[in-house]
Amino acid sequence: MTSVAMRLPSGRGKRRNPFLIDLATAIADGFIMAARYQHLSRMSDAELAGLGLNREDLPRVAIFGKR
């Protein structure tokens, strides 16, 4: 089998689209926050209290982390 390699015009194909990079980063961050929330929501109230948290803190902690 033979393959043909074609070069793109100068510079084309080398630039990365900042919008797509930002979008992919935002999606990845969303998955991380969702996983953090799910992990915390599975904990008992006693376990959360041991971390200094209550159920009302979970959305804030999932997004911003514990402060």
N, C-alpha and C. Protein backbone atom coordinates (compact mmCIF):
# COMPACT_ATOMS: atom_id res chain seq x y z
N MET A 1 0.84 -1.18 0.00
CA MET A 1 0.00 0.00 0.00
C MET A 1 0.89 1.24 0.00
N THR A 2 0.51 2.22 -0.75
CA THR A 2 1.27 3.45 -0.88
C THR A 2 0.53 4.59 -0.19
N SER A 3 1.27 5.49 0.39
CA SER A 3 0.64 6.67 0.99
C SER A 3 1.28 7.91 0.41
N VAL A 4 0.51 8.96 0.39
CA VAL A 4 0.98 10.23 -0.14
C VAL A 4 0.91 11.25 0.98
N ALA A 5 2.00 11.94 1.20
CA ALA A 5 2.04 12.99 2.21
C ALA A 5 1.94 14.33 1.51
N MET A 6 0.95 15.11 1.90
CA MET A 6 0.78 16.44 1.30
C MET A 6 1.09 17.49 2.35
N ARG A 7 1.84 18.46 1.95
CA ARG A 7 2.12 19.57 2.86
C ARG A 7 1.04 20.63 2.72
N LEU A 8 0.68 21.19 3.82
CA LEU A 8 -0.28 22.29 3.81
C LEU A 8 0.47 23.59 3.54
N PRO A 9 -0.22 24.59 3.04
CA PRO A 9 0.42 25.89 2.82
C PRO A 9 1.10 26.38 4.10
N SER A 10 2.09 27.17 3.95
CA SER A 10 2.92 27.64 5.05
C SER A 10 2.12 28.02 6.29
N GLY A 11 2.43 27.37 7.41
CA GLY A 11 1.82 27.70 8.70
C GLY A 11 0.47 27.09 8.94
N ARG A 12 -0.22 26.70 7.90
CA ARG A 12 -1.58 26.16 8.08
C ARG A 12 -1.49 24.77 8.69
N GLY A 13 -2.31 24.52 9.66
CA GLY A 13 -2.32 23.23 10.31
C GLY A 13 -1.43 23.19 11.54
N LYS A 14 -0.57 24.17 11.68
CA LYS A 14 0.31 24.21 12.85
C LYS A 14 -0.30 25.01 13.99
N ARG A 15 -1.17 25.95 13.63
CA ARG A 15 -1.79 26.79 14.66
C ARG A 15 -2.86 25.99 15.40
N ARG A 16 -2.92 26.20 16.67
CA ARG A 16 -3.95 25.56 17.46
C ARG A 16 -5.07 26.58 17.68
N ASN A 17 -6.27 26.10 17.66
CA ASN A 17 -7.42 26.97 17.83
C ASN A 17 -7.63 27.23 19.32
N PRO A 18 -7.40 28.47 19.79
CA PRO A 18 -7.55 28.75 21.22
C PRO A 18 -8.97 28.50 21.73
N PHE A 19 -9.96 28.73 20.90
CA PHE A 19 -11.34 28.47 21.32
C PHE A 19 -11.53 27.00 21.64
N LEU A 20 -11.04 26.13 20.77
CA LEU A 20 -11.21 24.69 21.00
C LEU A 20 -10.41 24.21 22.21
N ILE A 21 -9.24 24.79 22.41
CA ILE A 21 -8.45 24.44 23.59
C ILE A 21 -9.18 24.87 24.85
N ASP A 22 -9.71 26.08 24.87
CA ASP A 22 -10.47 26.57 26.02
C ASP A 22 -11.72 25.73 26.25
N LEU A 23 -12.39 25.35 25.19
CA LEU A 23 -13.59 24.52 25.31
C LEU A 23 -13.25 23.16 25.90
N ALA A 24 -12.21 22.53 25.40
CA ALA A 24 -11.80 21.22 25.91
C ALA A 24 -11.38 21.32 27.38
N THR A 25 -10.70 22.38 27.74
CA THR A 25 -10.29 22.59 29.13
C THR A 25 -11.51 22.77 30.03
N ALA A 26 -12.48 23.55 29.58
CA ALA A 26 -13.70 23.77 30.36
C ALA A 26 -14.47 22.47 30.55
N ILE A 27 -14.54 21.66 29.52
CA ILE A 27 -15.24 20.38 29.62
C ILE A 27 -14.52 19.47 30.62
N ALA A 28 -13.19 19.42 30.53
CA ALA A 28 -12.42 18.59 31.46
C ALA A 28 -12.61 19.08 32.89
N ASP A 29 -12.59 20.39 33.10
CA ASP A 29 -12.82 20.95 34.43
C ASP A 29 -14.20 20.58 34.95
N GLY A 30 -15.19 20.60 34.07
CA GLY A 30 -16.55 20.22 34.47
C GLY A 30 -16.62 18.78 34.93
N PHE A 31 -15.94 17.89 34.22
CA PHE A 31 -15.91 16.48 34.63
C PHE A 31 -15.23 16.31 35.98
N ILE A 32 -14.16 17.05 36.21
CA ILE A 32 -13.45 16.98 37.49
C ILE A 32 -14.34 17.46 38.62
N MET A 33 -15.04 18.59 38.41
CA MET A 33 -15.94 19.11 39.44
C MET A 33 -17.09 18.14 39.72
N ALA A 34 -17.64 17.54 38.68
CA ALA A 34 -18.73 16.59 38.85
C ALA A 34 -18.26 15.37 39.63
N ALA A 35 -17.07 14.88 39.33
CA ALA A 35 -16.53 13.73 40.05
C ALA A 35 -16.29 14.08 41.52
N ARG A 36 -15.77 15.29 41.77
CA ARG A 36 -15.53 15.72 43.15
C ARG A 36 -16.85 15.81 43.92
N TYR A 37 -17.88 16.37 43.29
CA TYR A 37 -19.19 16.47 43.94
C TYR A 37 -19.75 15.08 44.23
N GLN A 38 -19.68 14.19 43.26
CA GLN A 38 -20.21 12.84 43.46
C GLN A 38 -19.48 12.12 44.58
N HIS A 39 -18.17 12.28 44.64
CA HIS A 39 -17.39 11.64 45.70
C HIS A 39 -17.83 12.16 47.08
N LEU A 40 -17.94 13.48 47.19
CA LEU A 40 -18.34 14.06 48.47
C LEU A 40 -19.78 13.71 48.82
N SER A 41 -20.66 13.66 47.84
CA SER A 41 -22.07 13.39 48.14
C SER A 41 -22.28 11.96 48.61
N ARG A 42 -21.37 11.05 48.29
CA ARG A 42 -21.48 9.67 48.76
C ARG A 42 -21.04 9.50 50.21
N MET A 43 -20.37 10.51 50.75
CA MET A 43 -19.87 10.43 52.13
C MET A 43 -21.03 10.63 53.10
N SER A 44 -20.88 10.03 54.27
CA SER A 44 -21.90 10.20 55.31
C SER A 44 -21.74 11.59 55.93
N ASP A 45 -22.77 12.01 56.68
CA ASP A 45 -22.69 13.30 57.34
C ASP A 45 -21.54 13.33 58.35
N ALA A 46 -21.29 12.20 59.01
CA ALA A 46 -20.19 12.13 59.97
C ALA A 46 -18.84 12.29 59.27
N GLU A 47 -18.69 11.67 58.10
CA GLU A 47 -17.44 11.80 57.35
C GLU A 47 -17.24 13.24 56.88
N LEU A 48 -18.32 13.85 56.42
CA LEU A 48 -18.23 15.25 56.00
C LEU A 48 -17.88 16.15 57.17
N ALA A 49 -18.48 15.89 58.32
CA ALA A 49 -18.19 16.68 59.52
C ALA A 49 -16.72 16.54 59.90
N GLY A 50 -16.17 15.35 59.70
CA GLY A 50 -14.76 15.13 59.98
C GLY A 50 -13.86 15.98 59.09
N LEU A 51 -14.36 16.33 57.93
CA LEU A 51 -13.62 17.22 57.02
C LEU A 51 -13.96 18.69 57.25
N GLY A 52 -14.87 18.94 58.20
CA GLY A 52 -15.29 20.31 58.46
C GLY A 52 -16.32 20.81 57.47
N LEU A 53 -17.09 19.89 56.88
CA LEU A 53 -18.07 20.25 55.86
C LEU A 53 -19.46 19.77 56.26
N ASN A 54 -20.47 20.38 55.67
CA ASN A 54 -21.82 19.85 55.76
C ASN A 54 -22.38 19.78 54.34
N ARG A 55 -23.54 19.21 54.19
CA ARG A 55 -24.10 18.98 52.85
C ARG A 55 -24.28 20.28 52.06
N GLU A 56 -24.59 21.36 52.74
CA GLU A 56 -24.78 22.63 52.04
C GLU A 56 -23.49 23.17 51.42
N ASP A 57 -22.35 22.71 51.93
CA ASP A 57 -21.05 23.16 51.42
C ASP A 57 -20.63 22.45 50.13
N LEU A 58 -21.26 21.34 49.80
CA LEU A 58 -20.78 20.50 48.71
C LEU A 58 -20.68 21.20 47.36
N PRO A 59 -21.69 21.95 46.92
CA PRO A 59 -21.53 22.62 45.61
C PRO A 59 -20.35 23.59 45.58
N ARG A 60 -20.20 24.36 46.65
CA ARG A 60 -19.08 25.33 46.71
C ARG A 60 -17.74 24.61 46.72
N VAL A 61 -17.64 23.55 47.51
CA VAL A 61 -16.37 22.82 47.61
C VAL A 61 -16.07 22.10 46.29
N ALA A 62 -17.09 21.58 45.63
CA ALA A 62 -16.87 20.89 44.36
C ALA A 62 -16.33 21.86 43.30
N ILE A 63 -16.76 23.09 43.34
CA ILE A 63 -16.33 24.07 42.33
C ILE A 63 -15.02 24.75 42.72
N PHE A 64 -14.94 25.23 43.95
CA PHE A 64 -13.79 26.04 44.35
C PHE A 64 -12.77 25.32 45.22
N GLY A 65 -13.10 24.16 45.75
CA GLY A 65 -12.23 23.46 46.68
C GLY A 65 -12.49 23.98 48.09
N LYS A 66 -11.89 23.31 49.06
CA LYS A 66 -12.11 23.70 50.45
C LYS A 66 -11.25 24.91 50.78
N ARG A 67 -11.88 25.92 51.34
CA ARG A 67 -11.14 27.14 51.74
C ARG A 67 -11.33 27.41 53.19
